[in-house]
Amino acid sequence: MDSQDNLDRNLLEAQEKSGIDLRQLQSDLIKIKQEFYPHSKMLSDTEMQYLCLSLARYSQGQIAYYFYKHKIPSAEELKTCEDLQRLTRNLNAEMSSRIHKYLKRLMNMKDNERKPSWKKIIDFLRQSERYKLPHTSTVITKLSVLIEIESFQSIDRNHIQQINELLKQHGIENIRISESI
C-alpha cells in the first residue's frame, strides 16, 4: 500500500471518528501555514498523517510508532518498542512548530500557550459550523448471522461483553455479538 493510500484511509477514518470535515479543516490550515511559509501550497504528508491519526484518537505513542514502522501497533508491539518515549518526544517536538502551531492559530491561542489536548481540539472543531460534515441520510441494514459453537464449556455473558469491547476498541462499532440459545 503506498503513502497516498495510507493517507486516504487515515483521512476517512479520522473524518468518521471525529465527525469533522477534514477537507475544510485542511484548507483552513493551509491558509494558516501560508502565513508562516508563504510559498507553501499544501500541508506535507507528515503533517496530514499526524493530523488524521490524532483526530482519529490514536495515542501519541501509537502515532510515533506509525511514523517509525509505518503501521498502527498492537498493544504488544507498543509495549515492546524500546525507543517509544524518544520517538514520541521527537514527533511532538517536530509537530509543535507545524500542526500544533497552525491549530493554535486557528483556535486564536497565543504562540506561547500550550496546545490543548486532542479531545479539546476535536470539541472546538465540532462546535464550529464550519467543520460540520454535510448531513447525509444513512440507511442501516441489520444482518443477523447465526454462529453455532459446539463446546463442552459454556460461554457466559461476561465473555460476550469482553468480545464486544474488543471489537469497539478496534473501531468495529457496527458489529455486536449477542447470546441466543
N, C-alpha and C. Protein backbone atom coordinates (compact mmCIF):
# COMPACT_ATOMS: atom_id res chain seq x y z
N MET A 1 0.86 -1.17 0.00
CA MET A 1 0.00 0.00 0.00
C MET A 1 0.90 1.24 0.00
N ASP A 2 0.65 2.17 -0.89
CA ASP A 2 1.53 3.33 -0.96
C ASP A 2 1.08 4.44 -0.01
N SER A 3 1.91 5.46 0.07
CA SER A 3 1.70 6.56 1.02
C SER A 3 0.35 7.25 0.82
N GLN A 4 -0.04 7.46 -0.44
CA GLN A 4 -1.31 8.14 -0.72
C GLN A 4 -2.50 7.30 -0.28
N ASP A 5 -2.40 5.98 -0.47
CA ASP A 5 -3.47 5.08 0.00
C ASP A 5 -3.61 5.14 1.52
N ASN A 6 -2.46 5.13 2.22
CA ASN A 6 -2.48 5.25 3.68
C ASN A 6 -3.10 6.56 4.11
N LEU A 7 -2.72 7.64 3.44
CA LEU A 7 -3.25 8.95 3.79
C LEU A 7 -4.75 9.00 3.56
N ASP A 8 -5.21 8.49 2.43
CA ASP A 8 -6.64 8.48 2.14
C ASP A 8 -7.41 7.66 3.18
N ARG A 9 -6.87 6.50 3.54
CA ARG A 9 -7.51 5.64 4.53
C ARG A 9 -7.55 6.34 5.89
N ASN A 10 -6.44 6.96 6.27
CA ASN A 10 -6.38 7.66 7.56
C ASN A 10 -7.29 8.87 7.57
N LEU A 11 -7.40 9.56 6.46
CA LEU A 11 -8.28 10.72 6.36
C LEU A 11 -9.74 10.30 6.56
N LEU A 12 -10.14 9.23 5.89
CA LEU A 12 -11.51 8.75 6.04
C LEU A 12 -11.79 8.28 7.47
N GLU A 13 -10.84 7.58 8.06
CA GLU A 13 -11.02 7.11 9.43
C GLU A 13 -11.13 8.29 10.40
N ALA A 14 -10.27 9.30 10.22
CA ALA A 14 -10.29 10.47 11.09
C ALA A 14 -11.61 11.22 10.95
N GLN A 15 -12.07 11.37 9.73
CA GLN A 15 -13.33 12.08 9.50
C GLN A 15 -14.49 11.32 10.11
N GLU A 16 -14.47 10.00 9.97
CA GLU A 16 -15.55 9.18 10.52
C GLU A 16 -15.55 9.22 12.05
N LYS A 17 -14.37 9.08 12.66
CA LYS A 17 -14.30 9.03 14.12
C LYS A 17 -14.50 10.39 14.77
N SER A 18 -14.03 11.45 14.12
CA SER A 18 -14.13 12.78 14.73
C SER A 18 -15.41 13.51 14.36
N GLY A 19 -15.99 13.16 13.20
CA GLY A 19 -17.17 13.87 12.73
C GLY A 19 -16.84 15.25 12.18
N ILE A 20 -15.58 15.46 11.81
CA ILE A 20 -15.11 16.77 11.35
C ILE A 20 -14.84 16.71 9.84
N ASP A 21 -15.23 17.76 9.15
CA ASP A 21 -14.97 17.88 7.71
C ASP A 21 -13.48 18.18 7.53
N LEU A 22 -12.72 17.14 7.25
CA LEU A 22 -11.27 17.29 7.16
C LEU A 22 -10.81 18.07 5.94
N ARG A 23 -11.56 18.05 4.88
CA ARG A 23 -11.18 18.84 3.70
C ARG A 23 -11.25 20.34 4.02
N GLN A 24 -12.28 20.75 4.74
CA GLN A 24 -12.40 22.16 5.14
C GLN A 24 -11.31 22.53 6.13
N LEU A 25 -11.07 21.65 7.10
CA LEU A 25 -10.01 21.90 8.08
C LEU A 25 -8.66 22.00 7.39
N GLN A 26 -8.40 21.08 6.47
CA GLN A 26 -7.14 21.10 5.73
C GLN A 26 -6.97 22.42 4.97
N SER A 27 -8.02 22.86 4.33
CA SER A 27 -7.98 24.12 3.58
C SER A 27 -7.64 25.30 4.50
N ASP A 28 -8.27 25.35 5.67
CA ASP A 28 -8.01 26.44 6.61
C ASP A 28 -6.59 26.37 7.17
N LEU A 29 -6.12 25.15 7.45
CA LEU A 29 -4.76 25.01 7.98
C LEU A 29 -3.70 25.37 6.94
N ILE A 30 -3.99 25.11 5.67
CA ILE A 30 -3.06 25.51 4.60
C ILE A 30 -2.94 27.03 4.57
N LYS A 31 -4.06 27.73 4.70
CA LYS A 31 -4.03 29.20 4.71
C LYS A 31 -3.20 29.72 5.89
N ILE A 32 -3.36 29.08 7.04
CA ILE A 32 -2.58 29.49 8.21
C ILE A 32 -1.11 29.18 7.99
N LYS A 33 -0.80 28.02 7.42
CA LYS A 33 0.59 27.66 7.15
C LYS A 33 1.24 28.69 6.22
N GLN A 34 0.46 29.18 5.26
CA GLN A 34 0.99 30.16 4.32
C GLN A 34 1.33 31.49 4.99
N GLU A 35 0.71 31.77 6.13
CA GLU A 35 1.09 32.97 6.88
C GLU A 35 2.53 32.84 7.38
N PHE A 36 2.92 31.64 7.75
CA PHE A 36 4.27 31.38 8.25
C PHE A 36 5.25 31.07 7.11
N TYR A 37 4.76 30.35 6.11
CA TYR A 37 5.58 29.91 4.98
C TYR A 37 4.84 30.26 3.69
N PRO A 38 5.02 31.48 3.18
CA PRO A 38 4.23 31.98 2.05
C PRO A 38 4.28 31.11 0.79
N HIS A 39 5.32 30.35 0.59
CA HIS A 39 5.42 29.55 -0.63
C HIS A 39 4.78 28.17 -0.51
N SER A 40 4.27 27.86 0.67
CA SER A 40 3.64 26.55 0.87
C SER A 40 2.30 26.49 0.15
N LYS A 41 2.09 25.39 -0.52
CA LYS A 41 0.84 25.20 -1.25
C LYS A 41 -0.08 24.19 -0.57
N MET A 42 0.49 23.40 0.34
CA MET A 42 -0.30 22.36 0.99
C MET A 42 0.37 21.92 2.29
N LEU A 43 -0.36 21.15 3.07
CA LEU A 43 0.23 20.51 4.24
C LEU A 43 1.07 19.34 3.74
N SER A 44 2.18 19.08 4.40
CA SER A 44 3.00 17.94 4.00
C SER A 44 2.28 16.64 4.33
N ASP A 45 2.72 15.55 3.71
CA ASP A 45 2.12 14.25 4.01
C ASP A 45 2.27 13.92 5.50
N THR A 46 3.42 14.25 6.07
CA THR A 46 3.65 14.00 7.50
C THR A 46 2.66 14.80 8.34
N GLU A 47 2.46 16.06 8.00
CA GLU A 47 1.51 16.89 8.75
C GLU A 47 0.10 16.33 8.64
N MET A 48 -0.29 15.92 7.45
CA MET A 48 -1.64 15.38 7.25
C MET A 48 -1.82 14.04 7.97
N GLN A 49 -0.82 13.16 7.89
CA GLN A 49 -0.91 11.88 8.57
C GLN A 49 -1.04 12.09 10.08
N TYR A 50 -0.20 12.98 10.61
CA TYR A 50 -0.23 13.26 12.05
C TYR A 50 -1.59 13.83 12.45
N LEU A 51 -2.10 14.77 11.68
CA LEU A 51 -3.40 15.37 11.96
C LEU A 51 -4.50 14.30 11.94
N CYS A 52 -4.51 13.49 10.90
CA CYS A 52 -5.55 12.46 10.77
C CYS A 52 -5.48 11.45 11.90
N LEU A 53 -4.29 10.96 12.21
CA LEU A 53 -4.16 9.96 13.27
C LEU A 53 -4.53 10.55 14.63
N SER A 54 -4.20 11.81 14.85
CA SER A 54 -4.56 12.46 16.11
C SER A 54 -6.07 12.65 16.21
N LEU A 55 -6.71 13.07 15.13
CA LEU A 55 -8.16 13.26 15.13
C LEU A 55 -8.90 11.93 15.23
N ALA A 56 -8.25 10.85 14.79
CA ALA A 56 -8.85 9.52 14.92
C ALA A 56 -8.66 8.97 16.33
N ARG A 57 -8.00 9.77 17.19
CA ARG A 57 -7.82 9.49 18.61
C ARG A 57 -6.83 8.36 18.91
N TYR A 58 -5.83 8.21 18.04
CA TYR A 58 -4.74 7.31 18.37
C TYR A 58 -3.86 8.02 19.39
N SER A 59 -3.21 7.26 20.26
CA SER A 59 -2.34 7.86 21.27
C SER A 59 -1.07 8.40 20.60
N GLN A 60 -0.39 9.28 21.30
CA GLN A 60 0.85 9.84 20.75
C GLN A 60 1.89 8.74 20.53
N GLY A 61 1.90 7.73 21.41
CA GLY A 61 2.80 6.59 21.24
C GLY A 61 2.48 5.79 19.99
N GLN A 62 1.19 5.54 19.75
CA GLN A 62 0.78 4.82 18.55
C GLN A 62 1.17 5.59 17.29
N ILE A 63 1.00 6.90 17.33
CA ILE A 63 1.32 7.73 16.16
C ILE A 63 2.82 7.74 15.92
N ALA A 64 3.61 7.87 16.98
CA ALA A 64 5.07 7.86 16.83
C ALA A 64 5.51 6.51 16.25
N TYR A 65 4.94 5.43 16.73
CA TYR A 65 5.25 4.09 16.22
C TYR A 65 4.87 4.01 14.73
N TYR A 66 3.72 4.57 14.39
CA TYR A 66 3.27 4.56 13.00
C TYR A 66 4.31 5.21 12.07
N PHE A 67 4.86 6.33 12.50
CA PHE A 67 5.85 7.01 11.66
C PHE A 67 7.17 6.23 11.61
N TYR A 68 7.44 5.44 12.64
CA TYR A 68 8.67 4.66 12.71
C TYR A 68 8.55 3.37 11.91
N LYS A 69 7.43 2.67 12.07
CA LYS A 69 7.25 1.35 11.44
C LYS A 69 6.18 1.33 10.34
N HIS A 70 5.52 2.45 10.10
CA HIS A 70 4.52 2.58 9.03
C HIS A 70 3.30 1.67 9.22
N LYS A 71 2.94 1.49 10.49
CA LYS A 71 1.72 0.74 10.80
C LYS A 71 1.28 1.09 12.21
N ILE A 72 -0.01 0.96 12.45
CA ILE A 72 -0.55 1.16 13.80
C ILE A 72 -0.18 -0.08 14.61
N PRO A 73 0.44 0.12 15.76
CA PRO A 73 0.91 -1.05 16.52
C PRO A 73 -0.19 -1.74 17.33
N SER A 74 0.05 -3.00 17.58
CA SER A 74 -0.80 -3.73 18.53
C SER A 74 -0.35 -3.30 19.93
N ALA A 75 -1.11 -3.65 20.93
CA ALA A 75 -0.75 -3.31 22.31
C ALA A 75 0.60 -3.94 22.66
N GLU A 76 0.84 -5.16 22.20
CA GLU A 76 2.10 -5.85 22.48
C GLU A 76 3.28 -5.15 21.79
N GLU A 77 3.09 -4.77 20.54
CA GLU A 77 4.16 -4.06 19.82
C GLU A 77 4.49 -2.73 20.50
N LEU A 78 3.47 -2.07 20.97
CA LEU A 78 3.67 -0.79 21.65
C LEU A 78 4.45 -1.00 22.95
N LYS A 79 4.10 -2.06 23.67
CA LYS A 79 4.76 -2.35 24.94
C LYS A 79 6.24 -2.69 24.76
N THR A 80 6.56 -3.37 23.67
CA THR A 80 7.92 -3.85 23.47
C THR A 80 8.80 -2.90 22.67
N CYS A 81 8.27 -1.78 22.25
CA CYS A 81 9.07 -0.80 21.48
C CYS A 81 9.98 -0.04 22.44
N GLU A 82 11.28 -0.30 22.32
CA GLU A 82 12.24 0.27 23.25
C GLU A 82 12.40 1.78 23.12
N ASP A 83 12.29 2.31 21.93
CA ASP A 83 12.53 3.74 21.69
C ASP A 83 11.26 4.58 21.70
N LEU A 84 10.16 4.04 22.20
CA LEU A 84 8.88 4.71 22.08
C LEU A 84 8.86 6.11 22.70
N GLN A 85 9.42 6.26 23.88
CA GLN A 85 9.42 7.58 24.52
C GLN A 85 10.21 8.59 23.70
N ARG A 86 11.37 8.18 23.21
CA ARG A 86 12.19 9.08 22.40
C ARG A 86 11.47 9.44 21.10
N LEU A 87 10.87 8.44 20.45
CA LEU A 87 10.14 8.68 19.20
C LEU A 87 8.98 9.64 19.42
N THR A 88 8.26 9.45 20.53
CA THR A 88 7.12 10.31 20.85
C THR A 88 7.57 11.73 21.12
N ARG A 89 8.63 11.90 21.90
CA ARG A 89 9.18 13.25 22.17
C ARG A 89 9.61 13.94 20.88
N ASN A 90 10.31 13.21 20.02
CA ASN A 90 10.78 13.78 18.75
C ASN A 90 9.61 14.21 17.86
N LEU A 91 8.59 13.37 17.79
CA LEU A 91 7.42 13.70 16.97
C LEU A 91 6.70 14.92 17.52
N ASN A 92 6.50 14.97 18.83
CA ASN A 92 5.83 16.13 19.43
C ASN A 92 6.64 17.41 19.21
N ALA A 93 7.96 17.31 19.31
CA ALA A 93 8.81 18.49 19.08
C ALA A 93 8.68 18.95 17.63
N GLU A 94 8.68 18.00 16.71
CA GLU A 94 8.56 18.35 15.29
C GLU A 94 7.18 18.98 14.99
N MET A 95 6.13 18.42 15.56
CA MET A 95 4.79 18.90 15.27
C MET A 95 4.45 20.19 16.00
N SER A 96 5.18 20.53 17.06
CA SER A 96 4.87 21.77 17.79
C SER A 96 5.14 22.99 16.92
N SER A 97 6.10 22.89 16.01
CA SER A 97 6.37 24.02 15.12
C SER A 97 5.59 23.91 13.81
N ARG A 98 4.76 22.92 13.72
CA ARG A 98 3.99 22.72 12.49
C ARG A 98 2.50 22.67 12.81
N ILE A 99 1.90 21.49 12.81
CA ILE A 99 0.45 21.34 13.00
C ILE A 99 -0.02 21.98 14.30
N HIS A 100 0.70 21.78 15.39
CA HIS A 100 0.28 22.38 16.67
C HIS A 100 0.21 23.90 16.54
N LYS A 101 1.18 24.46 15.87
CA LYS A 101 1.25 25.92 15.66
C LYS A 101 0.05 26.40 14.84
N TYR A 102 -0.28 25.68 13.80
CA TYR A 102 -1.41 26.06 12.93
C TYR A 102 -2.73 25.93 13.69
N LEU A 103 -2.87 24.85 14.46
CA LEU A 103 -4.11 24.65 15.22
C LEU A 103 -4.29 25.73 16.28
N LYS A 104 -3.21 26.10 16.95
CA LYS A 104 -3.32 27.16 17.97
C LYS A 104 -3.75 28.47 17.31
N ARG A 105 -3.24 28.76 16.14
CA ARG A 105 -3.65 29.97 15.42
C ARG A 105 -5.13 29.87 15.06
N LEU A 106 -5.56 28.72 14.58
CA LEU A 106 -6.96 28.50 14.23
C LEU A 106 -7.87 28.72 15.43
N MET A 107 -7.38 28.32 16.61
CA MET A 107 -8.17 28.42 17.85
C MET A 107 -7.95 29.77 18.55
N ASN A 108 -7.27 30.70 17.89
CA ASN A 108 -6.99 32.03 18.44
C ASN A 108 -6.22 31.98 19.76
N MET A 109 -5.25 31.09 19.83
CA MET A 109 -4.41 30.97 21.01
C MET A 109 -3.09 31.68 20.75
N LYS A 110 -2.43 32.05 21.82
CA LYS A 110 -1.11 32.68 21.71
C LYS A 110 -0.07 31.60 21.42
N ASP A 111 1.00 32.00 20.72
CA ASP A 111 2.04 31.04 20.36
C ASP A 111 2.67 30.38 21.58
N ASN A 112 2.79 31.12 22.69
CA ASN A 112 3.45 30.56 23.87
C ASN A 112 2.51 29.72 24.74
N GLU A 113 1.23 29.65 24.38
CA GLU A 113 0.30 28.80 25.14
C GLU A 113 0.50 27.34 24.74
N ARG A 114 0.24 26.48 25.71
CA ARG A 114 0.37 25.05 25.46
C ARG A 114 -0.80 24.57 24.60
N LYS A 115 -0.49 23.69 23.66
CA LYS A 115 -1.54 23.12 22.80
C LYS A 115 -2.52 22.35 23.66
N PRO A 116 -3.82 22.55 23.45
CA PRO A 116 -4.80 21.78 24.22
C PRO A 116 -4.77 20.30 23.83
N SER A 117 -5.42 19.49 24.62
CA SER A 117 -5.50 18.06 24.30
C SER A 117 -6.26 17.88 22.99
N TRP A 118 -6.06 16.73 22.37
CA TRP A 118 -6.77 16.47 21.11
C TRP A 118 -8.27 16.39 21.35
N LYS A 119 -8.68 15.95 22.53
CA LYS A 119 -10.11 15.93 22.84
C LYS A 119 -10.68 17.35 22.79
N LYS A 120 -9.95 18.31 23.37
CA LYS A 120 -10.41 19.70 23.36
C LYS A 120 -10.38 20.29 21.96
N ILE A 121 -9.38 19.92 21.19
CA ILE A 121 -9.31 20.40 19.80
C ILE A 121 -10.51 19.87 19.01
N ILE A 122 -10.80 18.59 19.16
CA ILE A 122 -11.94 18.00 18.46
C ILE A 122 -13.24 18.66 18.91
N ASP A 123 -13.39 18.88 20.21
CA ASP A 123 -14.60 19.55 20.71
C ASP A 123 -14.73 20.95 20.10
N PHE A 124 -13.62 21.68 20.04
CA PHE A 124 -13.62 23.02 19.44
C PHE A 124 -14.07 22.96 17.98
N LEU A 125 -13.52 22.03 17.23
CA LEU A 125 -13.85 21.91 15.81
C LEU A 125 -15.31 21.47 15.62
N ARG A 126 -15.77 20.56 16.47
CA ARG A 126 -17.16 20.10 16.35
C ARG A 126 -18.17 21.21 16.65
N GLN A 127 -17.78 22.14 17.52
CA GLN A 127 -18.70 23.23 17.87
C GLN A 127 -18.81 24.27 16.76
N SER A 128 -17.88 24.27 15.85
CA SER A 128 -17.89 25.22 14.75
C SER A 128 -18.73 24.69 13.59
N GLU A 129 -19.64 25.50 13.12
CA GLU A 129 -20.44 25.11 11.95
C GLU A 129 -19.57 24.84 10.73
N ARG A 130 -18.44 25.53 10.68
CA ARG A 130 -17.53 25.45 9.53
C ARG A 130 -17.02 24.04 9.28
N TYR A 131 -16.86 23.24 10.33
CA TYR A 131 -16.25 21.92 10.18
C TYR A 131 -17.24 20.77 10.33
N LYS A 132 -18.52 21.10 10.33
CA LYS A 132 -19.52 20.03 10.40
C LYS A 132 -19.63 19.37 9.04
N LEU A 133 -19.71 18.07 9.07
CA LEU A 133 -19.88 17.32 7.83
C LEU A 133 -21.29 17.57 7.30
N PRO A 134 -21.42 17.64 5.98
CA PRO A 134 -22.77 17.76 5.43
C PRO A 134 -23.59 16.55 5.86
N HIS A 135 -24.82 16.81 6.28
CA HIS A 135 -25.67 15.73 6.77
C HIS A 135 -26.13 14.88 5.59
N THR A 136 -25.87 13.60 5.71
CA THR A 136 -26.35 12.66 4.70
C THR A 136 -27.18 11.62 5.41
N SER A 137 -28.18 11.16 4.74
CA SER A 137 -29.00 10.13 5.37
C SER A 137 -28.28 8.79 5.25
N THR A 138 -28.34 8.04 6.30
CA THR A 138 -27.68 6.75 6.34
C THR A 138 -28.74 5.67 6.46
N VAL A 139 -28.61 4.68 5.65
CA VAL A 139 -29.52 3.55 5.73
C VAL A 139 -28.80 2.47 6.52
N ILE A 140 -29.44 2.02 7.58
CA ILE A 140 -28.85 0.98 8.41
C ILE A 140 -29.54 -0.33 8.06
N THR A 141 -28.72 -1.29 7.72
CA THR A 141 -29.23 -2.61 7.41
C THR A 141 -28.79 -3.55 8.50
N LYS A 142 -29.73 -4.27 9.05
CA LYS A 142 -29.38 -5.25 10.07
C LYS A 142 -29.27 -6.60 9.39
N LEU A 143 -28.18 -7.27 9.70
CA LEU A 143 -27.95 -8.59 9.17
C LEU A 143 -27.65 -9.48 10.37
N SER A 144 -28.40 -10.52 10.50
CA SER A 144 -28.16 -11.45 11.61
C SER A 144 -27.46 -12.67 11.06
N VAL A 145 -26.44 -13.09 11.76
CA VAL A 145 -25.71 -14.29 11.37
C VAL A 145 -25.74 -15.23 12.56
N LEU A 146 -26.08 -16.44 12.31
CA LEU A 146 -26.13 -17.43 13.37
C LEU A 146 -24.83 -18.21 13.34
N ILE A 147 -24.14 -18.23 14.46
CA ILE A 147 -22.91 -19.00 14.59
C ILE A 147 -23.16 -20.02 15.68
N GLU A 148 -23.03 -21.26 15.32
CA GLU A 148 -23.22 -22.32 16.30
C GLU A 148 -21.85 -22.76 16.79
N ILE A 149 -21.72 -22.80 18.10
CA ILE A 149 -20.46 -23.22 18.70
C ILE A 149 -20.73 -24.45 19.53
N GLU A 150 -20.05 -25.54 19.18
CA GLU A 150 -20.14 -26.74 19.98
C GLU A 150 -19.00 -26.71 20.95
N SER A 151 -19.32 -26.70 22.21
CA SER A 151 -18.30 -26.61 23.23
C SER A 151 -18.75 -27.33 24.48
N PHE A 152 -17.79 -27.89 25.17
CA PHE A 152 -18.09 -28.52 26.44
C PHE A 152 -18.16 -27.48 27.55
N GLN A 153 -17.67 -26.27 27.24
CA GLN A 153 -17.74 -25.18 28.20
C GLN A 153 -18.81 -24.20 27.75
N SER A 154 -19.49 -23.66 28.70
CA SER A 154 -20.48 -22.66 28.32
C SER A 154 -19.79 -21.30 28.14
N ILE A 155 -20.34 -20.50 27.29
CA ILE A 155 -19.83 -19.15 27.07
C ILE A 155 -20.74 -18.22 27.85
N ASP A 156 -20.20 -17.55 28.84
CA ASP A 156 -21.05 -16.70 29.66
C ASP A 156 -21.14 -15.29 29.08
N ARG A 157 -22.09 -14.54 29.60
CA ARG A 157 -22.33 -13.17 29.13
C ARG A 157 -21.11 -12.28 29.28
N ASN A 158 -20.31 -12.52 30.30
CA ASN A 158 -19.12 -11.72 30.54
C ASN A 158 -18.13 -11.85 29.37
N HIS A 159 -17.96 -13.08 28.85
CA HIS A 159 -17.08 -13.29 27.71
C HIS A 159 -17.62 -12.58 26.46
N ILE A 160 -18.90 -12.64 26.28
CA ILE A 160 -19.51 -11.98 25.13
C ILE A 160 -19.32 -10.47 25.24
N GLN A 161 -19.49 -9.93 26.43
CA GLN A 161 -19.28 -8.50 26.65
C GLN A 161 -17.82 -8.12 26.37
N GLN A 162 -16.88 -8.96 26.77
CA GLN A 162 -15.46 -8.70 26.51
C GLN A 162 -15.17 -8.69 25.01
N ILE A 163 -15.78 -9.61 24.27
CA ILE A 163 -15.60 -9.64 22.82
C ILE A 163 -16.14 -8.35 22.19
N ASN A 164 -17.32 -7.91 22.64
CA ASN A 164 -17.89 -6.66 22.12
C ASN A 164 -17.00 -5.47 22.43
N GLU A 165 -16.41 -5.44 23.62
CA GLU A 165 -15.50 -4.35 23.99
C GLU A 165 -14.25 -4.35 23.12
N LEU A 166 -13.71 -5.55 22.85
CA LEU A 166 -12.54 -5.65 21.97
C LEU A 166 -12.86 -5.13 20.56
N LEU A 167 -14.02 -5.51 20.05
CA LEU A 167 -14.43 -5.03 18.73
C LEU A 167 -14.51 -3.50 18.73
N LYS A 168 -15.11 -2.95 19.77
CA LYS A 168 -15.27 -1.49 19.87
C LYS A 168 -13.91 -0.80 19.97
N GLN A 169 -12.98 -1.36 20.75
CA GLN A 169 -11.65 -0.78 20.90
C GLN A 169 -10.91 -0.71 19.58
N HIS A 170 -11.22 -1.64 18.68
CA HIS A 170 -10.55 -1.67 17.38
C HIS A 170 -11.38 -0.98 16.30
N GLY A 171 -12.31 -0.14 16.74
CA GLY A 171 -13.07 0.67 15.80
C GLY A 171 -14.20 -0.06 15.10
N ILE A 172 -14.52 -1.25 15.54
CA ILE A 172 -15.61 -2.01 14.91
C ILE A 172 -16.83 -1.85 15.80
N GLU A 173 -17.57 -0.79 15.55
CA GLU A 173 -18.71 -0.48 16.40
C GLU A 173 -20.04 -0.92 15.77
N ASN A 174 -19.98 -1.37 14.54
CA ASN A 174 -21.22 -1.75 13.88
C ASN A 174 -21.47 -3.26 13.91
N ILE A 175 -20.65 -3.99 14.68
CA ILE A 175 -20.86 -5.41 14.86
C ILE A 175 -21.01 -5.67 16.37
N ARG A 176 -22.04 -6.39 16.74
CA ARG A 176 -22.26 -6.70 18.15
C ARG A 176 -22.60 -8.17 18.28
N ILE A 177 -21.93 -8.82 19.21
CA ILE A 177 -22.17 -10.22 19.49
C ILE A 177 -23.21 -10.31 20.59
N SER A 178 -24.20 -11.17 20.40
CA SER A 178 -25.19 -11.36 21.47
C SER A 178 -25.41 -12.86 21.66
N GLU A 179 -25.96 -13.20 22.80
CA GLU A 179 -26.18 -14.61 23.13
C GLU A 179 -27.61 -14.98 22.79
N SER A 180 -27.77 -16.10 22.18
CA SER A 180 -29.11 -16.59 21.89
C SER A 180 -29.07 -18.10 21.96
N ILE A 181 -29.98 -18.67 22.72
CA ILE A 181 -29.98 -20.12 22.87
C ILE A 181 -31.34 -20.66 22.49
